[in-house]
Amino acid sequence: MDEAVPDARGEPIRAPADKTVSRTVDVWDLPLRLWHWALAASVLIAWFTPTVYDGLHRIVGYGVIGLLAFRLIWGFLGSRYSRFRMVGVRLRAAPRYLWNLRRGITGRYIGLNPAGTLMLVALLVSLAVSSITGALSVTVTFFGVWWIEDTHAYASDAVIVLVVLHVVGVVLMGVLQRENLIRAMFTGRKRIRRRS
């Protein structure tokens, strides 16, 4: 409990429990945020439309290929936190980061943390495999080819598993760091704290 100290007027002044100052900074630019939510909607639509609404499923699949192409380009041309420049470093740090999460040690990252970077790479790869094999499966050459269809099905299932893990991870990190990361992906701004 903080000890109350009177000010010049006799009013109690409480010393702050935390000596940190908080401010927000721009992290995720508008194109990246639009890409993120368009991809999320596309994955959701694609998951519920195969064999029922095949035309819509195909259109969304081609849309995912376009979104992946955009993300690849934006990974080199986008703003600071959109670029892939730290991917290798963060992927190498991911095992230790995940190990430390067991004890609630999260560190502070303005952009993606190592676990988020690992998830980004896993999702991009599985989405690429799923959407490309899906597009191949409707061509004359590969229509009905079992390994294309199986690869598409397994990659699509992997995407859904990864999406669930991604959402759980975002909620967990939000709780551990006392920050609304979902709101940050809408606003593009993230809270950072520094010692006062």
N, C-alpha and C. Protein backbone atom coordinates (compact mmCIF):
# COMPACT_ATOMS: atom_id res chain seq x y z
N MET A 1 0.84 -1.19 0.00
CA MET A 1 0.00 0.00 0.00
C MET A 1 0.88 1.24 0.00
N ASP A 2 0.54 2.24 -0.83
CA ASP A 2 1.29 3.48 -0.87
C ASP A 2 0.99 4.30 0.37
N GLU A 3 2.04 4.94 0.91
CA GLU A 3 1.88 5.78 2.08
C GLU A 3 1.46 7.17 1.63
N ALA A 4 0.39 7.72 2.22
CA ALA A 4 -0.11 9.04 1.86
C ALA A 4 0.78 10.11 2.48
N VAL A 5 1.18 11.09 1.69
CA VAL A 5 1.99 12.21 2.16
C VAL A 5 1.20 13.48 1.85
N PRO A 6 0.99 14.38 2.86
CA PRO A 6 0.18 15.57 2.59
C PRO A 6 0.94 16.58 1.74
N ASP A 7 0.20 17.30 0.87
CA ASP A 7 0.80 18.38 0.10
C ASP A 7 0.66 19.67 0.89
N ALA A 8 0.96 20.81 0.24
CA ALA A 8 0.93 22.10 0.94
C ALA A 8 -0.46 22.43 1.47
N ARG A 9 -1.53 21.90 0.81
CA ARG A 9 -2.90 22.17 1.25
C ARG A 9 -3.41 21.09 2.19
N GLY A 10 -2.58 20.13 2.54
CA GLY A 10 -3.01 19.07 3.43
C GLY A 10 -3.65 17.89 2.72
N GLU A 11 -3.74 17.94 1.39
CA GLU A 11 -4.32 16.84 0.61
C GLU A 11 -3.30 15.71 0.50
N PRO A 12 -3.77 14.48 0.59
CA PRO A 12 -2.79 13.38 0.48
C PRO A 12 -2.25 13.23 -0.94
N ILE A 13 -0.95 13.01 -1.03
CA ILE A 13 -0.28 12.72 -2.29
C ILE A 13 0.22 11.28 -2.19
N ARG A 14 -0.13 10.50 -3.17
CA ARG A 14 0.32 9.11 -3.18
C ARG A 14 1.44 8.96 -4.19
N ALA A 15 2.50 8.32 -3.77
CA ALA A 15 3.61 8.04 -4.69
C ALA A 15 3.14 6.98 -5.68
N PRO A 16 3.42 7.16 -6.94
CA PRO A 16 2.99 6.15 -7.92
C PRO A 16 3.71 4.82 -7.68
N ALA A 17 2.95 3.74 -7.85
CA ALA A 17 3.53 2.41 -7.65
C ALA A 17 4.49 2.06 -8.77
N ASP A 18 4.23 2.59 -9.96
CA ASP A 18 5.04 2.25 -11.12
C ASP A 18 5.69 3.53 -11.64
N LYS A 19 6.99 3.53 -11.74
CA LYS A 19 7.73 4.72 -12.17
C LYS A 19 7.94 4.71 -13.69
N THR A 20 6.92 4.31 -14.44
CA THR A 20 7.05 4.31 -15.89
C THR A 20 6.11 5.33 -16.51
N VAL A 21 6.53 5.86 -17.65
CA VAL A 21 5.72 6.79 -18.41
C VAL A 21 5.30 6.06 -19.67
N SER A 22 4.05 6.19 -20.02
CA SER A 22 3.52 5.47 -21.17
C SER A 22 3.17 6.45 -22.28
N ARG A 23 3.48 6.05 -23.54
CA ARG A 23 3.07 6.83 -24.70
C ARG A 23 2.82 5.85 -25.83
N THR A 24 2.15 6.31 -26.87
CA THR A 24 1.90 5.42 -28.00
C THR A 24 2.72 5.87 -29.20
N VAL A 25 3.08 4.89 -30.03
CA VAL A 25 3.84 5.18 -31.24
C VAL A 25 3.18 4.46 -32.41
N ASP A 26 3.36 5.01 -33.61
CA ASP A 26 2.87 4.35 -34.82
C ASP A 26 3.73 3.12 -35.08
N VAL A 27 3.09 1.97 -35.21
CA VAL A 27 3.82 0.74 -35.46
C VAL A 27 3.40 0.13 -36.79
N TRP A 28 2.12 -0.17 -36.94
CA TRP A 28 1.65 -0.84 -38.15
C TRP A 28 0.94 0.16 -39.05
N ASP A 29 1.48 0.33 -40.25
CA ASP A 29 0.92 1.30 -41.18
C ASP A 29 -0.42 0.81 -41.73
N LEU A 30 -1.16 1.74 -42.35
CA LEU A 30 -2.50 1.43 -42.85
C LEU A 30 -2.50 0.29 -43.87
N PRO A 31 -1.60 0.27 -44.86
CA PRO A 31 -1.63 -0.86 -45.80
C PRO A 31 -1.45 -2.22 -45.12
N LEU A 32 -0.58 -2.28 -44.11
CA LEU A 32 -0.37 -3.54 -43.41
C LEU A 32 -1.62 -3.94 -42.62
N ARG A 33 -2.26 -2.97 -41.98
CA ARG A 33 -3.47 -3.27 -41.21
C ARG A 33 -4.60 -3.72 -42.12
N LEU A 34 -4.76 -3.04 -43.26
CA LEU A 34 -5.79 -3.47 -44.22
C LEU A 34 -5.49 -4.87 -44.74
N TRP A 35 -4.23 -5.14 -45.02
CA TRP A 35 -3.81 -6.48 -45.47
C TRP A 35 -4.18 -7.53 -44.41
N HIS A 36 -3.85 -7.25 -43.16
CA HIS A 36 -4.10 -8.19 -42.06
C HIS A 36 -5.58 -8.55 -41.97
N TRP A 37 -6.45 -7.55 -41.96
CA TRP A 37 -7.88 -7.81 -41.78
C TRP A 37 -8.51 -8.40 -43.04
N ALA A 38 -8.00 -8.01 -44.22
CA ALA A 38 -8.49 -8.63 -45.47
C ALA A 38 -8.10 -10.10 -45.52
N LEU A 39 -6.89 -10.41 -45.07
CA LEU A 39 -6.45 -11.81 -45.04
C LEU A 39 -7.26 -12.60 -44.02
N ALA A 40 -7.52 -12.01 -42.86
CA ALA A 40 -8.32 -12.70 -41.84
C ALA A 40 -9.72 -13.01 -42.38
N ALA A 41 -10.34 -12.04 -43.03
CA ALA A 41 -11.68 -12.26 -43.60
C ALA A 41 -11.62 -13.32 -44.71
N SER A 42 -10.59 -13.27 -45.54
CA SER A 42 -10.46 -14.24 -46.63
C SER A 42 -10.31 -15.66 -46.11
N VAL A 43 -9.50 -15.83 -45.10
CA VAL A 43 -9.30 -17.17 -44.51
C VAL A 43 -10.61 -17.68 -43.93
N LEU A 44 -11.32 -16.82 -43.24
CA LEU A 44 -12.60 -17.21 -42.66
C LEU A 44 -13.60 -17.62 -43.74
N ILE A 45 -13.70 -16.82 -44.78
CA ILE A 45 -14.62 -17.15 -45.89
C ILE A 45 -14.19 -18.45 -46.57
N ALA A 46 -12.90 -18.59 -46.83
CA ALA A 46 -12.41 -19.80 -47.50
C ALA A 46 -12.67 -21.05 -46.68
N TRP A 47 -12.59 -20.93 -45.38
CA TRP A 47 -12.79 -22.10 -44.51
C TRP A 47 -14.22 -22.63 -44.59
N PHE A 48 -15.19 -21.73 -44.74
CA PHE A 48 -16.59 -22.14 -44.71
C PHE A 48 -17.22 -22.35 -46.09
N THR A 49 -16.47 -22.13 -47.17
CA THR A 49 -17.10 -22.21 -48.49
C THR A 49 -16.74 -23.40 -49.38
N PRO A 50 -15.75 -24.25 -49.06
CA PRO A 50 -15.43 -25.32 -50.02
C PRO A 50 -16.60 -26.30 -50.16
N THR A 51 -16.78 -26.79 -51.37
CA THR A 51 -17.82 -27.76 -51.77
C THR A 51 -19.24 -27.20 -51.66
N VAL A 52 -19.43 -26.08 -50.99
CA VAL A 52 -20.76 -25.48 -50.87
C VAL A 52 -20.88 -24.30 -51.83
N TYR A 53 -19.91 -23.40 -51.76
CA TYR A 53 -19.84 -22.24 -52.64
C TYR A 53 -18.48 -22.24 -53.33
N ASP A 54 -18.29 -23.17 -54.23
CA ASP A 54 -16.97 -23.35 -54.86
C ASP A 54 -16.49 -22.11 -55.60
N GLY A 55 -17.40 -21.41 -56.27
CA GLY A 55 -16.99 -20.21 -57.00
C GLY A 55 -16.42 -19.16 -56.06
N LEU A 56 -17.11 -18.90 -54.96
CA LEU A 56 -16.64 -17.94 -53.97
C LEU A 56 -15.33 -18.41 -53.35
N HIS A 57 -15.24 -19.71 -53.08
CA HIS A 57 -14.03 -20.29 -52.49
C HIS A 57 -12.83 -20.04 -53.41
N ARG A 58 -13.01 -20.24 -54.71
CA ARG A 58 -11.91 -20.01 -55.66
C ARG A 58 -11.53 -18.53 -55.73
N ILE A 59 -12.52 -17.65 -55.78
CA ILE A 59 -12.24 -16.21 -55.84
C ILE A 59 -11.45 -15.76 -54.61
N VAL A 60 -11.88 -16.23 -53.44
CA VAL A 60 -11.18 -15.87 -52.20
C VAL A 60 -9.77 -16.45 -52.21
N GLY A 61 -9.62 -17.67 -52.73
CA GLY A 61 -8.28 -18.27 -52.82
C GLY A 61 -7.35 -17.46 -53.70
N TYR A 62 -7.85 -17.00 -54.85
CA TYR A 62 -7.03 -16.14 -55.71
C TYR A 62 -6.73 -14.81 -55.00
N GLY A 63 -7.71 -14.33 -54.24
CA GLY A 63 -7.49 -13.12 -53.45
C GLY A 63 -6.37 -13.30 -52.43
N VAL A 64 -6.32 -14.47 -51.82
CA VAL A 64 -5.25 -14.76 -50.85
C VAL A 64 -3.90 -14.74 -51.55
N ILE A 65 -3.83 -15.31 -52.75
CA ILE A 65 -2.56 -15.27 -53.50
C ILE A 65 -2.15 -13.82 -53.75
N GLY A 66 -3.11 -12.97 -54.11
CA GLY A 66 -2.81 -11.56 -54.31
C GLY A 66 -2.36 -10.88 -53.02
N LEU A 67 -3.01 -11.20 -51.92
CA LEU A 67 -2.62 -10.63 -50.63
C LEU A 67 -1.23 -11.08 -50.22
N LEU A 68 -0.90 -12.34 -50.49
CA LEU A 68 0.45 -12.84 -50.16
C LEU A 68 1.50 -12.14 -51.01
N ALA A 69 1.19 -11.91 -52.28
CA ALA A 69 2.13 -11.19 -53.16
C ALA A 69 2.34 -9.76 -52.64
N PHE A 70 1.24 -9.11 -52.23
CA PHE A 70 1.35 -7.77 -51.68
C PHE A 70 2.24 -7.77 -50.44
N ARG A 71 2.03 -8.76 -49.54
CA ARG A 71 2.81 -8.80 -48.29
C ARG A 71 4.29 -9.02 -48.56
N LEU A 72 4.58 -9.82 -49.56
CA LEU A 72 5.98 -10.05 -49.93
C LEU A 72 6.62 -8.73 -50.39
N ILE A 73 5.92 -8.00 -51.23
CA ILE A 73 6.43 -6.70 -51.70
C ILE A 73 6.53 -5.71 -50.55
N TRP A 74 5.49 -5.67 -49.71
CA TRP A 74 5.46 -4.72 -48.60
C TRP A 74 6.50 -5.06 -47.55
N GLY A 75 6.93 -6.31 -47.50
CA GLY A 75 7.99 -6.70 -46.58
C GLY A 75 9.33 -6.08 -46.92
N PHE A 76 9.45 -5.56 -48.14
CA PHE A 76 10.68 -4.88 -48.55
C PHE A 76 10.49 -3.38 -48.75
N LEU A 77 9.28 -2.95 -49.09
CA LEU A 77 9.04 -1.55 -49.40
C LEU A 77 8.24 -0.81 -48.34
N GLY A 78 7.65 -1.52 -47.40
CA GLY A 78 6.76 -0.89 -46.42
C GLY A 78 7.49 -0.10 -45.36
N SER A 79 6.73 0.36 -44.39
CA SER A 79 7.31 1.14 -43.30
C SER A 79 8.17 0.23 -42.40
N ARG A 80 8.83 0.83 -41.46
CA ARG A 80 9.83 0.15 -40.63
C ARG A 80 9.35 -1.19 -40.06
N TYR A 81 8.18 -1.22 -39.44
CA TYR A 81 7.73 -2.44 -38.77
C TYR A 81 7.00 -3.39 -39.72
N SER A 82 6.85 -2.99 -40.97
CA SER A 82 6.27 -3.87 -41.99
C SER A 82 7.34 -4.70 -42.69
N ARG A 83 8.58 -4.22 -42.62
CA ARG A 83 9.66 -4.86 -43.37
C ARG A 83 10.13 -6.15 -42.71
N PHE A 84 10.74 -7.00 -43.53
CA PHE A 84 11.22 -8.31 -43.08
C PHE A 84 12.66 -8.26 -42.54
N ARG A 85 13.21 -7.09 -42.33
CA ARG A 85 14.62 -6.99 -42.00
C ARG A 85 15.02 -7.70 -40.71
N MET A 86 14.12 -7.86 -39.76
CA MET A 86 14.45 -8.49 -38.48
C MET A 86 13.96 -9.94 -38.39
N VAL A 87 13.42 -10.47 -39.46
CA VAL A 87 12.83 -11.81 -39.40
C VAL A 87 13.85 -12.86 -38.97
N GLY A 88 15.03 -12.87 -39.59
CA GLY A 88 16.04 -13.87 -39.25
C GLY A 88 16.47 -13.80 -37.79
N VAL A 89 16.70 -12.60 -37.31
CA VAL A 89 17.11 -12.40 -35.91
C VAL A 89 16.02 -12.88 -34.96
N ARG A 90 14.78 -12.51 -35.24
CA ARG A 90 13.68 -12.89 -34.35
C ARG A 90 13.39 -14.39 -34.41
N LEU A 91 13.56 -15.00 -35.59
CA LEU A 91 13.34 -16.46 -35.67
C LEU A 91 14.39 -17.19 -34.85
N ARG A 92 15.64 -16.72 -34.88
CA ARG A 92 16.68 -17.36 -34.06
C ARG A 92 16.41 -17.18 -32.57
N ALA A 93 15.77 -16.08 -32.21
CA ALA A 93 15.46 -15.80 -30.80
C ALA A 93 14.19 -16.51 -30.33
N ALA A 94 13.39 -17.05 -31.26
CA ALA A 94 12.08 -17.61 -30.91
C ALA A 94 12.14 -18.76 -29.91
N PRO A 95 13.04 -19.76 -30.05
CA PRO A 95 13.04 -20.85 -29.07
C PRO A 95 13.25 -20.37 -27.63
N ARG A 96 14.22 -19.49 -27.43
CA ARG A 96 14.48 -18.98 -26.08
C ARG A 96 13.30 -18.14 -25.60
N TYR A 97 12.72 -17.35 -26.50
CA TYR A 97 11.57 -16.51 -26.13
C TYR A 97 10.40 -17.38 -25.66
N LEU A 98 10.09 -18.43 -26.43
CA LEU A 98 9.00 -19.33 -26.05
C LEU A 98 9.31 -20.03 -24.74
N TRP A 99 10.56 -20.39 -24.52
CA TRP A 99 10.95 -21.04 -23.26
C TRP A 99 10.73 -20.09 -22.09
N ASN A 100 11.11 -18.83 -22.26
CA ASN A 100 10.95 -17.83 -21.20
C ASN A 100 9.48 -17.49 -20.92
N LEU A 101 8.61 -17.68 -21.92
CA LEU A 101 7.18 -17.41 -21.71
C LEU A 101 6.59 -18.28 -20.62
N ARG A 102 7.17 -19.45 -20.39
CA ARG A 102 6.66 -20.33 -19.32
C ARG A 102 6.68 -19.63 -17.97
N ARG A 103 7.64 -18.72 -17.80
CA ARG A 103 7.77 -18.00 -16.54
C ARG A 103 7.18 -16.59 -16.62
N GLY A 104 6.49 -16.30 -17.72
CA GLY A 104 5.85 -14.99 -17.88
C GLY A 104 6.80 -13.90 -18.31
N ILE A 105 8.00 -14.26 -18.77
CA ILE A 105 8.97 -13.27 -19.24
C ILE A 105 8.68 -12.99 -20.72
N THR A 106 8.23 -11.78 -20.99
CA THR A 106 7.81 -11.45 -22.36
C THR A 106 8.74 -10.47 -23.05
N GLY A 107 9.45 -9.67 -22.31
CA GLY A 107 10.22 -8.60 -22.94
C GLY A 107 9.28 -7.60 -23.58
N ARG A 108 9.83 -6.51 -24.08
CA ARG A 108 9.01 -5.51 -24.75
C ARG A 108 9.52 -5.33 -26.17
N TYR A 109 8.63 -5.50 -27.12
CA TYR A 109 8.96 -5.33 -28.53
C TYR A 109 7.96 -4.35 -29.11
N ILE A 110 8.46 -3.40 -29.87
CA ILE A 110 7.53 -2.46 -30.48
C ILE A 110 6.81 -3.14 -31.64
N GLY A 111 7.55 -3.83 -32.49
CA GLY A 111 6.95 -4.59 -33.59
C GLY A 111 6.61 -5.99 -33.10
N LEU A 112 6.74 -6.95 -34.00
CA LEU A 112 6.47 -8.35 -33.64
C LEU A 112 7.55 -8.88 -32.71
N ASN A 113 7.13 -9.62 -31.68
CA ASN A 113 8.10 -10.31 -30.84
C ASN A 113 8.54 -11.59 -31.57
N PRO A 114 9.53 -12.33 -31.05
CA PRO A 114 9.98 -13.54 -31.76
C PRO A 114 8.88 -14.58 -31.99
N ALA A 115 7.95 -14.74 -31.06
CA ALA A 115 6.86 -15.68 -31.26
C ALA A 115 5.93 -15.20 -32.37
N GLY A 116 5.68 -13.90 -32.41
CA GLY A 116 4.85 -13.33 -33.47
C GLY A 116 5.51 -13.46 -34.83
N THR A 117 6.83 -13.31 -34.87
CA THR A 117 7.56 -13.47 -36.13
C THR A 117 7.49 -14.92 -36.60
N LEU A 118 7.65 -15.85 -35.68
CA LEU A 118 7.53 -17.28 -36.02
C LEU A 118 6.14 -17.57 -36.56
N MET A 119 5.12 -17.01 -35.94
CA MET A 119 3.74 -17.20 -36.41
C MET A 119 3.54 -16.59 -37.79
N LEU A 120 4.09 -15.41 -38.01
CA LEU A 120 3.98 -14.75 -39.31
C LEU A 120 4.54 -15.65 -40.41
N VAL A 121 5.74 -16.17 -40.21
CA VAL A 121 6.38 -17.02 -41.22
C VAL A 121 5.58 -18.29 -41.43
N ALA A 122 5.15 -18.94 -40.33
CA ALA A 122 4.38 -20.19 -40.45
C ALA A 122 3.07 -19.95 -41.20
N LEU A 123 2.38 -18.85 -40.90
CA LEU A 123 1.12 -18.56 -41.58
C LEU A 123 1.34 -18.23 -43.05
N LEU A 124 2.35 -17.44 -43.35
CA LEU A 124 2.61 -17.09 -44.75
C LEU A 124 2.94 -18.33 -45.58
N VAL A 125 3.76 -19.22 -45.03
CA VAL A 125 4.13 -20.43 -45.75
C VAL A 125 2.92 -21.34 -45.94
N SER A 126 2.17 -21.57 -44.87
CA SER A 126 1.02 -22.48 -44.98
C SER A 126 -0.06 -21.89 -45.88
N LEU A 127 -0.26 -20.57 -45.83
CA LEU A 127 -1.22 -19.93 -46.73
C LEU A 127 -0.78 -20.02 -48.18
N ALA A 128 0.52 -19.87 -48.43
CA ALA A 128 1.04 -19.99 -49.79
C ALA A 128 0.82 -21.40 -50.32
N VAL A 129 1.14 -22.40 -49.51
CA VAL A 129 0.96 -23.80 -49.93
C VAL A 129 -0.52 -24.08 -50.17
N SER A 130 -1.38 -23.65 -49.26
CA SER A 130 -2.82 -23.89 -49.38
C SER A 130 -3.40 -23.23 -50.62
N SER A 131 -3.08 -21.95 -50.82
CA SER A 131 -3.70 -21.22 -51.94
C SER A 131 -3.13 -21.66 -53.29
N ILE A 132 -1.84 -21.94 -53.36
CA ILE A 132 -1.25 -22.37 -54.63
C ILE A 132 -1.74 -23.76 -55.01
N THR A 133 -1.78 -24.68 -54.06
CA THR A 133 -2.30 -26.02 -54.39
C THR A 133 -3.78 -25.97 -54.70
N GLY A 134 -4.50 -25.07 -54.06
CA GLY A 134 -5.92 -24.89 -54.39
C GLY A 134 -6.10 -24.40 -55.81
N ALA A 135 -5.27 -23.43 -56.21
CA ALA A 135 -5.34 -22.93 -57.59
C ALA A 135 -4.94 -24.01 -58.59
N LEU A 136 -3.94 -24.80 -58.26
CA LEU A 136 -3.51 -25.89 -59.15
C LEU A 136 -4.58 -26.96 -59.30
N SER A 137 -5.32 -27.20 -58.22
CA SER A 137 -6.30 -28.30 -58.24
C SER A 137 -7.46 -28.07 -59.21
N VAL A 138 -7.64 -26.83 -59.67
CA VAL A 138 -8.72 -26.56 -60.63
C VAL A 138 -8.19 -26.40 -62.06
N THR A 139 -6.91 -26.69 -62.26
CA THR A 139 -6.35 -26.64 -63.61
C THR A 139 -6.52 -28.00 -64.28
N VAL A 140 -6.45 -28.01 -65.59
CA VAL A 140 -6.59 -29.26 -66.35
C VAL A 140 -5.49 -30.24 -65.97
N THR A 141 -4.28 -29.75 -65.81
CA THR A 141 -3.14 -30.62 -65.53
C THR A 141 -3.24 -31.30 -64.17
N PHE A 142 -3.67 -30.58 -63.15
CA PHE A 142 -3.63 -31.11 -61.78
C PHE A 142 -5.00 -31.45 -61.20
N PHE A 143 -6.06 -31.30 -61.97
CA PHE A 143 -7.39 -31.61 -61.45
C PHE A 143 -7.47 -33.09 -61.09
N GLY A 144 -7.87 -33.39 -59.84
CA GLY A 144 -8.01 -34.76 -59.38
C GLY A 144 -6.72 -35.44 -58.98
N VAL A 145 -5.59 -34.75 -59.03
CA VAL A 145 -4.32 -35.35 -58.62
C VAL A 145 -4.30 -35.41 -57.09
N TRP A 146 -4.14 -36.63 -56.58
CA TRP A 146 -4.35 -36.85 -55.15
C TRP A 146 -3.41 -36.05 -54.26
N TRP A 147 -2.12 -35.95 -54.63
CA TRP A 147 -1.20 -35.28 -53.73
C TRP A 147 -1.41 -33.76 -53.71
N ILE A 148 -1.93 -33.20 -54.79
CA ILE A 148 -2.28 -31.77 -54.80
C ILE A 148 -3.48 -31.55 -53.87
N GLU A 149 -4.49 -32.39 -54.01
CA GLU A 149 -5.69 -32.25 -53.18
C GLU A 149 -5.38 -32.48 -51.70
N ASP A 150 -4.57 -33.51 -51.41
CA ASP A 150 -4.20 -33.77 -50.02
C ASP A 150 -3.37 -32.64 -49.42
N THR A 151 -2.41 -32.15 -50.21
CA THR A 151 -1.57 -31.04 -49.72
C THR A 151 -2.42 -29.82 -49.44
N HIS A 152 -3.39 -29.54 -50.34
CA HIS A 152 -4.28 -28.41 -50.13
C HIS A 152 -5.09 -28.58 -48.85
N ALA A 153 -5.61 -29.78 -48.64
CA ALA A 153 -6.43 -30.02 -47.44
C ALA A 153 -5.60 -29.90 -46.17
N TYR A 154 -4.40 -30.51 -46.15
CA TYR A 154 -3.56 -30.45 -44.94
C TYR A 154 -3.06 -29.03 -44.67
N ALA A 155 -2.67 -28.33 -45.73
CA ALA A 155 -2.20 -26.95 -45.54
C ALA A 155 -3.34 -26.06 -45.04
N SER A 156 -4.54 -26.27 -45.56
CA SER A 156 -5.70 -25.48 -45.12
C SER A 156 -6.02 -25.74 -43.65
N ASP A 157 -5.94 -27.01 -43.24
CA ASP A 157 -6.13 -27.34 -41.82
C ASP A 157 -5.05 -26.69 -40.96
N ALA A 158 -3.81 -26.70 -41.46
CA ALA A 158 -2.71 -26.08 -40.72
C ALA A 158 -2.95 -24.59 -40.55
N VAL A 159 -3.49 -23.94 -41.57
CA VAL A 159 -3.79 -22.50 -41.49
C VAL A 159 -4.76 -22.24 -40.35
N ILE A 160 -5.81 -23.05 -40.26
CA ILE A 160 -6.82 -22.83 -39.21
C ILE A 160 -6.21 -23.05 -37.82
N VAL A 161 -5.40 -24.09 -37.68
CA VAL A 161 -4.73 -24.35 -36.39
C VAL A 161 -3.84 -23.16 -36.03
N LEU A 162 -3.09 -22.66 -36.99
CA LEU A 162 -2.21 -21.52 -36.74
C LEU A 162 -2.99 -20.26 -36.42
N VAL A 163 -4.12 -20.05 -37.08
CA VAL A 163 -4.96 -18.88 -36.78
C VAL A 163 -5.45 -18.94 -35.33
N VAL A 164 -5.90 -20.11 -34.90
CA VAL A 164 -6.36 -20.26 -33.51
C VAL A 164 -5.20 -19.98 -32.54
N LEU A 165 -4.02 -20.54 -32.82
CA LEU A 165 -2.85 -20.29 -31.97
C LEU A 165 -2.47 -18.80 -31.98
N HIS A 166 -2.61 -18.17 -33.13
CA HIS A 166 -2.32 -16.73 -33.25
C HIS A 166 -3.25 -15.92 -32.35
N VAL A 167 -4.53 -16.20 -32.41
CA VAL A 167 -5.49 -15.46 -31.59
C VAL A 167 -5.23 -15.70 -30.10
N VAL A 168 -4.99 -16.95 -29.73
CA VAL A 168 -4.68 -17.27 -28.32
C VAL A 168 -3.41 -16.54 -27.89
N GLY A 169 -2.40 -16.54 -28.76
CA GLY A 169 -1.15 -15.86 -28.44
C GLY A 169 -1.33 -14.36 -28.26
N VAL A 170 -2.13 -13.74 -29.12
CA VAL A 170 -2.38 -12.30 -29.01
C VAL A 170 -3.09 -11.99 -27.69
N VAL A 171 -4.08 -12.80 -27.35
CA VAL A 171 -4.81 -12.57 -26.08
C VAL A 171 -3.87 -12.78 -24.90
N LEU A 172 -3.08 -13.86 -24.93
CA LEU A 172 -2.14 -14.14 -23.84
C LEU A 172 -1.13 -13.00 -23.67
N MET A 173 -0.54 -12.54 -24.78
CA MET A 173 0.42 -11.45 -24.69
C MET A 173 -0.25 -10.16 -24.21
N GLY A 174 -1.47 -9.93 -24.63
CA GLY A 174 -2.19 -8.76 -24.16
C GLY A 174 -2.39 -8.78 -22.66
N VAL A 175 -2.70 -9.95 -22.12
CA VAL A 175 -2.88 -10.09 -20.67
C VAL A 175 -1.54 -9.93 -19.95
N LEU A 176 -0.51 -10.63 -20.44
CA LEU A 176 0.80 -10.58 -19.78
C LEU A 176 1.39 -9.17 -19.81
N GLN A 177 1.17 -8.43 -20.89
CA GLN A 177 1.75 -7.10 -21.01
C GLN A 177 0.77 -5.97 -20.72
N ARG A 178 -0.44 -6.34 -20.33
CA ARG A 178 -1.47 -5.36 -20.00
C ARG A 178 -1.65 -4.35 -21.14
N GLU A 179 -1.87 -4.90 -22.32
CA GLU A 179 -2.01 -4.06 -23.51
C GLU A 179 -3.03 -4.68 -24.45
N ASN A 180 -3.84 -3.84 -25.07
CA ASN A 180 -4.85 -4.31 -26.01
C ASN A 180 -4.23 -4.39 -27.40
N LEU A 181 -3.67 -5.56 -27.73
CA LEU A 181 -2.99 -5.73 -29.01
C LEU A 181 -3.97 -5.79 -30.18
N ILE A 182 -5.19 -6.22 -29.93
CA ILE A 182 -6.19 -6.24 -31.01
C ILE A 182 -6.53 -4.81 -31.43
N ARG A 183 -6.72 -3.93 -30.46
CA ARG A 183 -6.97 -2.52 -30.78
C ARG A 183 -5.78 -1.93 -31.53
N ALA A 184 -4.57 -2.33 -31.15
CA ALA A 184 -3.37 -1.82 -31.82
C ALA A 184 -3.36 -2.19 -33.30
N MET A 185 -3.90 -3.36 -33.65
CA MET A 185 -3.93 -3.75 -35.06
C MET A 185 -5.02 -2.99 -35.82
N PHE A 186 -5.96 -2.39 -35.12
CA PHE A 186 -6.94 -1.51 -35.77
C PHE A 186 -6.40 -0.09 -35.90
N THR A 187 -5.79 0.42 -34.83
CA THR A 187 -5.34 1.81 -34.82
C THR A 187 -3.95 2.00 -35.42
N GLY A 188 -3.14 0.95 -35.38
CA GLY A 188 -1.76 1.04 -35.84
C GLY A 188 -0.81 1.55 -34.78
N ARG A 189 -1.34 1.92 -33.62
CA ARG A 189 -0.52 2.49 -32.55
C ARG A 189 -0.38 1.49 -31.42
N LYS A 190 0.81 1.47 -30.84
CA LYS A 190 1.10 0.57 -29.74
C LYS A 190 1.69 1.36 -28.59
N ARG A 191 1.31 0.96 -27.40
CA ARG A 191 1.79 1.66 -26.21
C ARG A 191 3.19 1.18 -25.89
N ILE A 192 4.08 2.11 -25.60
CA ILE A 192 5.40 1.75 -25.10
C ILE A 192 5.59 2.42 -23.77
N ARG A 193 6.36 1.77 -22.93
CA ARG A 193 6.61 2.31 -21.60
C ARG A 193 8.10 2.53 -21.44
N ARG A 194 8.46 3.63 -20.76
CA ARG A 194 9.86 3.85 -20.45
C ARG A 194 9.93 4.34 -19.00
N ARG A 195 11.06 4.06 -18.39
CA ARG A 195 11.24 4.49 -16.99
C ARG A 195 11.30 6.00 -16.93
N SER A 196 10.65 6.59 -15.91
CA SER A 196 10.69 8.05 -15.77
C SER A 196 11.91 8.48 -14.96
